[in-house]
Amino acid sequence: MNNNKKEISKILNLPILVISSNAHNGLDWVHSLLDGHKQIVILPAFSYFRFLIREKINLKLFKEKKKLIRLISNTLHKKDSYNVPRRKFFNNTKEKNLFSKFLSEFFYLKEINYATLFYGIHYAFLKMKNENIQKKKLIISHEHMTWNHENYFIFDDIKFLFVIRDPRAAFAGSILQMKKINKLNFLYSHQMNKILLNFIYGWDFIKQQKKKNLKNIYFFINEKMNKNLKFEILKFCKWSGLSFDSKMLISTFNNKKWKGESSYLMKDKIDLKKKIPKNFYKLENVKRRWLNVLSTNDIKIIESLCYEYMELFGYKSLYIKSRLQKIINLPKIVLFYVLPRSEVKKTLILQYLKNIIKRFFVVLLTKKSIKVLSIK
């Protein structure tokens, strides 16, 4: 038990780096490059605060330790979303039972709250995988939705890493992926609301953190990584204090090679089974693809919304060259993918009006709209 106390003490004192993106920017790819590093504590693509919200894990449940541990273990074992390669926690029931055992062990010594549950899940995962906790220098937490970032300020030693990408490529990827899983290749208004919320909230968070503490935020630029991955990884290692490891140039999840995921190559949301073609991410090829997905009007709206973002990260606009053009085109965002669903029985006009009202909420009252529209 003394050794367990030392390991628990170690993990409770590790700094945390939240990795995120505010669009379809390559977050899972960045995660996969950090996966096999011996100094990093990193779970599969598991978003802690999103998980708590979706599974309704709250203060009331904290009082029922056995029920809580059973819920977490069963969800991570049985739920389909945690059985794709990049999110897979357990390979078998034995691993699930070990995880439950070590999580119970952690809460034999610590009371349950939002912070200790975070550490407990990471501790149990490491013990289940028989990893050397004493060698760890950093916890990396993958948080998919940017409106959960402020929750991380319950921790003392916290930094943020954002994956950045040309927003036109990012929006095109999101639109294409969601259309593929819908009927009639149609993007629902509520899906665009979610895309916009993640971008707007994430951009606001970036600006806020740049003003408060620039040293606590790091940017991985997708295009630069595709051009010279080793150089960008070496820069990150210097910033984070991690030792460079050649494994950081290879994509893995749970130390198993990962072939990636792409809206353009996947038929659904399952990870790729074949290696991505050579030169797939060359800038001219990427641009050609997003030009095929987005209309001229789409591009004008995206460039208007992302005007300052594109300026900061050096992306050149095709159409929006001035703030005046931005002001003229930005109101069109209210009508950006708000068409009603033909298969719904409600009248089309009523649907259309509701979609427009919801869009106003998203754009003008971003923080409030997450609760009002029940977006998770």
Protein backbone atom coordinates (compact mmCIF):
# COMPACT_ATOMS: atom_id res chain seq x y z
CA MET A 1 0.00 0.00 0.00
CA ASN A 2 2.97 2.35 0.65
CA ASN A 3 4.05 2.03 -2.98
CA ASN A 4 0.49 2.79 -4.08
CA LYS A 5 0.54 5.93 -1.92
CA LYS A 6 3.75 7.06 -3.61
CA GLU A 7 2.29 6.45 -7.08
CA ILE A 8 -0.93 8.26 -6.21
CA SER A 9 1.05 11.16 -4.75
CA LYS A 10 3.12 11.29 -7.94
CA ILE A 11 0.12 11.42 -10.27
CA LEU A 12 -1.66 14.03 -8.12
CA ASN A 13 1.31 16.37 -8.55
CA LEU A 14 1.78 16.06 -12.32
CA PRO A 15 1.11 19.14 -14.48
CA ILE A 16 -1.76 18.87 -16.98
CA LEU A 17 -1.71 19.84 -20.64
CA VAL A 18 -5.14 19.98 -22.31
CA ILE A 19 -4.93 19.30 -26.05
CA SER A 20 -7.77 20.60 -28.16
CA SER A 21 -8.88 22.24 -31.38
CA ASN A 22 -11.84 24.43 -32.22
CA ALA A 23 -12.59 22.73 -35.53
CA HIS A 24 -11.73 19.66 -37.65
CA ASN A 25 -8.03 20.48 -37.30
CA GLY A 26 -6.26 17.15 -36.75
CA LEU A 27 -6.60 16.76 -32.98
CA ASP A 28 -6.71 12.95 -33.09
CA TRP A 29 -3.58 12.95 -35.25
CA VAL A 30 -1.68 15.09 -32.72
CA HIS A 31 -2.95 12.83 -29.92
CA SER A 32 -1.66 9.77 -31.80
CA LEU A 33 1.84 11.29 -32.02
CA LEU A 34 1.97 11.73 -28.22
CA ASP A 35 0.50 8.32 -27.45
CA GLY A 36 3.63 6.19 -27.00
CA HIS A 37 5.83 8.64 -25.07
CA LYS A 38 7.06 7.09 -21.80
CA GLN A 39 7.04 10.43 -19.93
CA ILE A 40 3.40 11.18 -20.80
CA VAL A 41 0.24 10.00 -19.07
CA ILE A 42 -2.32 9.87 -21.87
CA LEU A 43 -5.58 7.98 -22.23
CA PRO A 44 -7.21 7.06 -25.55
CA ALA A 45 -9.23 9.92 -27.14
CA PHE A 46 -11.32 10.41 -24.01
CA SER A 47 -12.71 13.87 -23.17
CA TYR A 48 -13.05 13.99 -19.39
CA PHE A 49 -15.58 16.79 -18.89
CA ARG A 50 -17.61 15.83 -21.95
CA PHE A 51 -17.76 12.29 -20.53
CA LEU A 52 -19.03 13.56 -17.17
CA ILE A 53 -21.79 15.57 -18.83
CA ARG A 54 -22.88 12.82 -21.22
CA GLU A 55 -22.96 10.12 -18.53
CA LYS A 56 -24.58 12.46 -15.96
CA ILE A 57 -21.77 11.96 -13.45
CA ASN A 58 -22.28 14.53 -10.68
CA LEU A 59 -21.89 15.26 -6.97
CA LYS A 60 -24.81 13.00 -6.07
CA LEU A 61 -23.16 10.02 -7.75
CA PHE A 62 -19.85 10.75 -5.97
CA LYS A 63 -21.51 9.54 -2.77
CA GLU A 64 -22.12 6.10 -4.31
CA LYS A 65 -18.57 4.92 -4.97
CA LYS A 66 -19.32 1.37 -6.15
CA LYS A 67 -22.09 2.53 -8.47
CA LEU A 68 -19.84 5.25 -9.92
CA ILE A 69 -16.93 2.89 -10.59
CA ARG A 70 -19.26 0.34 -12.18
CA LEU A 71 -20.83 3.01 -14.42
CA ILE A 72 -17.45 4.33 -15.62
CA SER A 73 -15.99 0.86 -16.26
CA ASN A 74 -19.07 -0.47 -18.06
CA THR A 75 -19.45 2.65 -20.21
CA LEU A 76 -15.81 2.55 -21.34
CA HIS A 77 -16.06 -1.19 -21.97
CA LYS A 78 -19.43 -1.54 -23.68
CA LYS A 79 -20.31 1.75 -25.37
CA ASP A 80 -19.73 1.67 -29.14
CA SER A 81 -18.02 5.06 -29.18
CA TYR A 82 -15.23 3.64 -26.97
CA ASN A 83 -14.67 0.63 -29.18
CA VAL A 84 -13.10 2.35 -32.18
CA PRO A 85 -9.26 2.14 -32.21
CA ARG A 86 -8.59 5.74 -31.14
CA ARG A 87 -10.96 5.55 -28.14
CA LYS A 88 -10.59 1.92 -27.06
CA PHE A 89 -9.89 1.62 -23.32
CA PHE A 90 -10.01 -2.12 -22.76
CA ASN A 91 -9.03 -5.09 -24.90
CA ASN A 92 -11.01 -7.56 -22.79
CA THR A 93 -13.06 -8.01 -19.62
CA LYS A 94 -9.94 -8.78 -17.59
CA GLU A 95 -8.58 -5.28 -18.29
CA LYS A 96 -11.92 -3.73 -17.38
CA ASN A 97 -11.93 -5.58 -14.04
CA LEU A 98 -8.34 -4.51 -13.33
CA PHE A 99 -9.26 -0.90 -14.09
CA SER A 100 -12.20 -1.12 -11.65
CA LYS A 101 -9.94 -2.62 -8.99
CA PHE A 102 -7.33 0.13 -9.27
CA LEU A 103 -9.96 2.88 -9.35
CA SER A 104 -11.40 1.43 -6.11
CA GLU A 105 -7.89 1.34 -4.68
CA PHE A 106 -7.41 5.03 -5.52
CA PHE A 107 -10.67 6.00 -3.79
CA TYR A 108 -9.81 3.94 -0.75
CA LEU A 109 -7.18 6.65 -0.14
CA LYS A 110 -8.84 9.70 -1.70
CA GLU A 111 -12.27 11.28 -1.48
CA ILE A 112 -14.18 11.59 -4.76
CA ASN A 113 -14.56 15.00 -6.36
CA TYR A 114 -14.20 16.31 -9.92
CA ALA A 115 -10.43 16.72 -9.64
CA THR A 116 -9.63 13.42 -7.90
CA LEU A 117 -11.87 11.48 -10.28
CA PHE A 118 -9.79 12.84 -13.18
CA TYR A 119 -6.57 11.66 -11.53
CA GLY A 120 -8.15 8.39 -10.42
CA ILE A 121 -9.17 7.41 -13.97
CA HIS A 122 -5.64 8.15 -15.20
CA TYR A 123 -4.08 6.23 -12.29
CA ALA A 124 -6.29 3.17 -12.86
CA PHE A 125 -5.53 3.16 -16.59
CA LEU A 126 -1.76 3.30 -15.99
CA LYS A 127 -1.88 0.53 -13.39
CA MET A 128 -4.03 -1.62 -15.68
CA LYS A 129 -1.40 -1.17 -18.45
CA ASN A 130 1.42 -1.82 -15.96
CA GLU A 131 3.10 1.53 -16.74
CA ASN A 132 5.85 3.05 -14.60
CA ILE A 133 4.11 6.00 -12.94
CA GLN A 134 7.30 7.35 -11.38
CA LYS A 135 8.77 8.10 -14.83
CA LYS A 136 5.84 10.29 -15.87
CA LYS A 137 6.32 14.05 -16.27
CA LEU A 138 3.02 15.25 -17.73
CA ILE A 139 -0.67 14.34 -18.03
CA ILE A 140 -2.13 15.11 -21.44
CA SER A 141 -5.90 15.41 -21.52
CA HIS A 142 -7.81 15.34 -24.82
CA GLU A 143 -10.85 17.64 -24.60
CA HIS A 144 -12.94 17.59 -27.76
CA MET A 145 -15.33 20.48 -27.14
CA THR A 146 -13.80 23.87 -26.34
CA TRP A 147 -16.62 25.01 -24.03
CA ASN A 148 -15.36 22.48 -21.46
CA HIS A 149 -11.93 24.13 -21.18
CA GLU A 150 -12.79 26.51 -18.36
CA ASN A 151 -13.62 23.50 -16.17
CA TYR A 152 -9.90 22.65 -16.10
CA PHE A 153 -9.15 25.63 -13.90
CA ILE A 154 -10.04 23.45 -10.91
CA PHE A 155 -6.45 22.20 -11.34
CA ASP A 156 -3.48 24.30 -10.24
CA ASP A 157 -0.86 23.44 -12.86
CA ILE A 158 -2.68 23.62 -16.20
CA LYS A 159 -1.66 24.56 -19.76
CA PHE A 160 -3.38 24.32 -23.15
CA LEU A 161 -2.31 23.14 -26.58
CA PHE A 162 -4.46 24.05 -29.59
CA VAL A 163 -4.21 22.37 -32.98
CA ILE A 164 -4.67 25.08 -35.62
CA ARG A 165 -5.63 24.63 -39.28
CA ASP A 166 -6.90 26.67 -42.21
CA PRO A 167 -10.54 27.16 -41.13
CA ARG A 168 -11.85 26.59 -44.66
CA ALA A 169 -10.29 23.12 -44.68
CA ALA A 170 -11.52 22.52 -41.13
CA PHE A 171 -15.13 23.56 -41.84
CA ALA A 172 -15.16 21.58 -45.10
CA GLY A 173 -14.02 18.45 -43.26
CA SER A 174 -16.67 18.84 -40.57
CA ILE A 175 -19.43 19.50 -43.11
CA LEU A 176 -18.43 16.55 -45.27
CA GLN A 177 -18.16 14.14 -42.33
CA MET A 178 -21.56 15.05 -40.90
CA LYS A 179 -23.24 14.92 -44.29
CA LYS A 180 -21.92 11.40 -44.81
CA ILE A 181 -23.63 10.05 -41.71
CA ASN A 182 -26.95 11.80 -42.43
CA LYS A 183 -29.75 10.86 -44.80
CA LEU A 184 -29.72 12.37 -48.29
CA ASN A 185 -26.24 13.91 -47.78
CA PHE A 186 -27.89 16.74 -45.82
CA LEU A 187 -26.30 18.81 -43.02
CA TYR A 188 -28.73 19.56 -40.21
CA SER A 189 -28.91 23.04 -38.74
CA HIS A 190 -28.14 21.79 -35.21
CA GLN A 191 -24.96 20.16 -36.51
CA MET A 192 -23.74 23.45 -37.98
CA ASN A 193 -24.64 25.10 -34.66
CA LYS A 194 -22.26 22.69 -32.94
CA ILE A 195 -19.48 23.36 -35.47
CA LEU A 196 -19.90 27.12 -35.03
CA LEU A 197 -20.10 26.93 -31.24
CA ASN A 198 -16.87 24.96 -31.03
CA PHE A 199 -15.08 27.43 -33.28
CA ILE A 200 -16.42 30.63 -31.68
CA TYR A 201 -15.95 29.41 -28.11
CA GLY A 202 -12.47 28.08 -28.88
CA TRP A 203 -11.36 31.30 -30.59
CA ASP A 204 -12.65 33.36 -27.63
CA PHE A 205 -10.75 31.07 -25.26
CA ILE A 206 -7.53 31.42 -27.28
CA LYS A 207 -7.78 35.22 -27.23
CA GLN A 208 -8.50 35.19 -23.50
CA GLN A 209 -5.51 32.96 -22.70
CA LYS A 210 -3.17 34.93 -24.96
CA LYS A 211 -3.97 38.03 -22.90
CA LYS A 212 -3.84 36.32 -19.50
CA ASN A 213 -0.82 34.07 -19.86
CA LEU A 214 0.74 33.54 -23.27
CA LYS A 215 3.30 31.11 -21.80
CA ASN A 216 0.49 28.70 -20.89
CA ILE A 217 -0.78 28.15 -24.43
CA TYR A 218 0.93 26.37 -27.32
CA PHE A 219 -0.10 26.04 -30.96
CA PHE A 220 0.51 23.12 -33.30
CA ILE A 221 -0.07 24.41 -36.85
CA ASN A 222 -1.43 21.50 -38.92
CA GLU A 223 0.10 22.67 -42.21
CA LYS A 224 3.55 23.19 -40.66
CA MET A 225 3.43 19.74 -39.07
CA ASN A 226 2.63 18.14 -42.42
CA LYS A 227 5.55 20.01 -43.98
CA ASN A 228 8.22 19.23 -41.34
CA LEU A 229 6.90 17.07 -38.52
CA LYS A 230 10.19 16.44 -36.70
CA PHE A 231 11.02 20.15 -36.50
CA GLU A 232 7.59 20.97 -35.02
CA ILE A 233 7.76 18.09 -32.53
CA LEU A 234 11.23 19.18 -31.37
CA LYS A 235 9.88 22.70 -30.74
CA PHE A 236 7.03 21.25 -28.70
CA CYS A 237 9.41 19.08 -26.65
CA LYS A 238 11.49 22.15 -25.79
CA TRP A 239 8.36 24.04 -24.70
CA SER A 240 6.87 21.16 -22.69
CA GLY A 241 10.09 19.85 -21.08
CA LEU A 242 9.64 16.38 -22.58
CA SER A 243 12.50 14.38 -24.07
CA PHE A 244 12.27 13.85 -27.82
CA ASP A 245 11.32 10.31 -28.79
CA SER A 246 11.24 9.07 -32.39
CA LYS A 247 7.88 7.43 -31.54
CA MET A 248 6.44 10.96 -31.68
CA LEU A 249 6.79 10.82 -35.48
CA ILE A 250 4.54 7.75 -35.74
CA SER A 251 0.77 7.61 -35.18
CA THR A 252 -0.37 5.12 -32.53
CA PHE A 253 -3.21 4.61 -30.08
CA ASN A 254 -2.53 2.31 -27.14
CA ASN A 255 0.88 1.74 -28.79
CA LYS A 256 -0.81 0.18 -31.83
CA LYS A 257 -0.23 1.79 -35.23
CA TRP A 258 -3.08 4.03 -36.30
CA LYS A 259 -3.77 4.74 -39.97
CA GLY A 260 -5.69 7.92 -39.27
CA GLU A 261 -9.12 9.29 -40.16
CA SER A 262 -10.28 11.61 -42.91
CA SER A 263 -13.72 12.86 -43.94
CA TYR A 264 -12.66 12.44 -47.56
CA LEU A 265 -11.55 8.81 -47.24
CA MET A 266 -13.95 7.38 -44.64
CA LYS A 267 -17.39 6.04 -45.48
CA ASP A 268 -18.50 6.59 -41.90
CA LYS A 269 -16.88 7.64 -38.61
CA ILE A 270 -14.77 4.48 -38.26
CA ASP A 271 -10.97 4.91 -38.40
CA LEU A 272 -9.16 4.20 -41.65
CA LYS A 273 -8.00 0.67 -42.44
CA LYS A 274 -5.65 1.69 -45.24
CA LYS A 275 -2.71 4.07 -45.11
CA ILE A 276 -3.44 7.62 -46.27
CA PRO A 277 -2.14 8.16 -49.86
CA LYS A 278 1.20 9.89 -50.36
CA ASN A 279 0.95 13.71 -50.70
CA PHE A 280 -2.63 13.62 -49.41
CA TYR A 281 -1.88 16.57 -47.11
CA LYS A 282 0.13 18.66 -49.54
CA LEU A 283 -1.26 22.20 -49.37
CA GLU A 284 -2.44 22.27 -52.99
CA ASN A 285 -4.25 18.94 -52.59
CA VAL A 286 -5.92 20.05 -49.36
CA LYS A 287 -7.04 23.31 -50.98
CA ARG A 288 -8.43 21.49 -54.02
CA ARG A 289 -10.54 19.28 -51.72
CA TRP A 290 -12.06 22.06 -49.64
CA LEU A 291 -12.81 24.08 -52.79
CA ASN A 292 -14.82 21.10 -54.02
CA VAL A 293 -16.84 20.94 -50.78
CA LEU A 294 -17.51 24.64 -50.17
CA SER A 295 -19.43 27.06 -52.36
CA THR A 296 -18.20 30.61 -52.93
CA ASN A 297 -20.85 31.83 -50.47
CA ASP A 298 -19.68 29.25 -47.88
CA ILE A 299 -16.09 30.46 -48.20
CA LYS A 300 -17.11 34.10 -47.81
CA ILE A 301 -19.03 33.29 -44.62
CA ILE A 302 -16.16 31.24 -43.16
CA GLU A 303 -13.56 33.89 -44.06
CA SER A 304 -15.76 36.57 -42.46
CA LEU A 305 -16.27 34.58 -39.25
CA CYS A 306 -12.57 33.65 -39.07
CA TYR A 307 -11.14 36.98 -40.26
CA GLU A 308 -8.99 37.72 -37.16
CA TYR A 309 -8.14 34.03 -36.69
CA MET A 310 -6.80 33.81 -40.24
CA GLU A 311 -4.83 37.03 -39.77
CA LEU A 312 -3.19 35.75 -36.58
CA PHE A 313 -2.17 32.37 -38.01
CA GLY A 314 -1.23 33.61 -41.49
CA TYR A 315 -3.96 32.15 -43.71
CA LYS A 316 -4.71 34.16 -46.87
CA SER A 317 -8.33 34.90 -47.74
CA LEU A 318 -9.73 34.34 -51.22
CA TYR A 319 -12.58 36.85 -50.96
CA ILE A 320 -12.65 38.75 -47.65
CA LYS A 321 -9.77 41.21 -47.90
CA SER A 322 -10.96 43.95 -45.52
CA ARG A 323 -12.95 44.48 -42.34
CA LEU A 324 -15.68 46.17 -44.37
CA GLN A 325 -16.09 43.02 -46.49
CA LYS A 326 -16.18 41.01 -43.26
CA ILE A 327 -18.98 43.20 -41.85
CA ILE A 328 -20.99 42.91 -45.09
CA ASN A 329 -20.72 39.11 -45.32
CA LEU A 330 -20.81 38.02 -41.67
CA PRO A 331 -24.62 38.40 -41.20
CA LYS A 332 -25.06 35.61 -43.77
CA ILE A 333 -23.98 33.19 -41.03
CA VAL A 334 -27.57 33.31 -39.72
CA LEU A 335 -28.66 31.47 -42.89
CA PHE A 336 -25.61 29.16 -43.06
CA TYR A 337 -27.05 25.62 -43.25
CA VAL A 338 -30.38 26.36 -41.56
CA LEU A 339 -32.68 24.67 -44.08
CA PRO A 340 -35.41 22.52 -42.48
CA ARG A 341 -35.41 18.74 -42.57
CA SER A 342 -37.86 17.35 -45.10
CA GLU A 343 -38.36 14.07 -43.18
CA VAL A 344 -39.64 15.87 -40.05
CA LYS A 345 -43.43 16.22 -39.84
CA LYS A 346 -43.39 19.81 -38.53
CA THR A 347 -44.11 22.51 -41.08
CA LEU A 348 -41.04 23.58 -43.05
CA ILE A 349 -41.59 27.29 -42.38
CA LEU A 350 -41.80 26.74 -38.61
CA GLN A 351 -38.62 24.64 -38.67
CA TYR A 352 -36.83 27.29 -40.72
CA LEU A 353 -37.78 30.09 -38.32
CA LYS A 354 -36.74 28.02 -35.29
CA ASN A 355 -33.39 27.22 -36.91
CA ILE A 356 -32.74 30.92 -37.58
CA ILE A 357 -33.62 31.88 -33.98
CA LYS A 358 -31.29 29.19 -32.63
CA ARG A 359 -28.53 30.44 -34.92
CA PHE A 360 -28.90 33.95 -33.49
CA PHE A 361 -28.40 32.42 -30.04
CA VAL A 362 -25.25 30.61 -31.17
CA VAL A 363 -23.66 33.69 -32.75
CA LEU A 364 -24.75 36.40 -30.31
CA LEU A 365 -25.12 34.52 -26.99
CA THR A 366 -22.54 31.77 -27.48
CA LYS A 367 -22.01 30.75 -23.83
CA LYS A 368 -25.71 30.77 -22.93
CA SER A 369 -26.71 28.90 -26.08
CA ILE A 370 -24.86 25.74 -24.99
CA LYS A 371 -27.28 25.27 -22.08
CA VAL A 372 -30.35 26.72 -23.81
CA LEU A 373 -29.92 24.41 -26.82
CA SER A 374 -28.71 21.46 -24.69
CA ILE A 375 -25.55 20.95 -26.72
CA LYS A 376 -23.09 18.34 -25.37
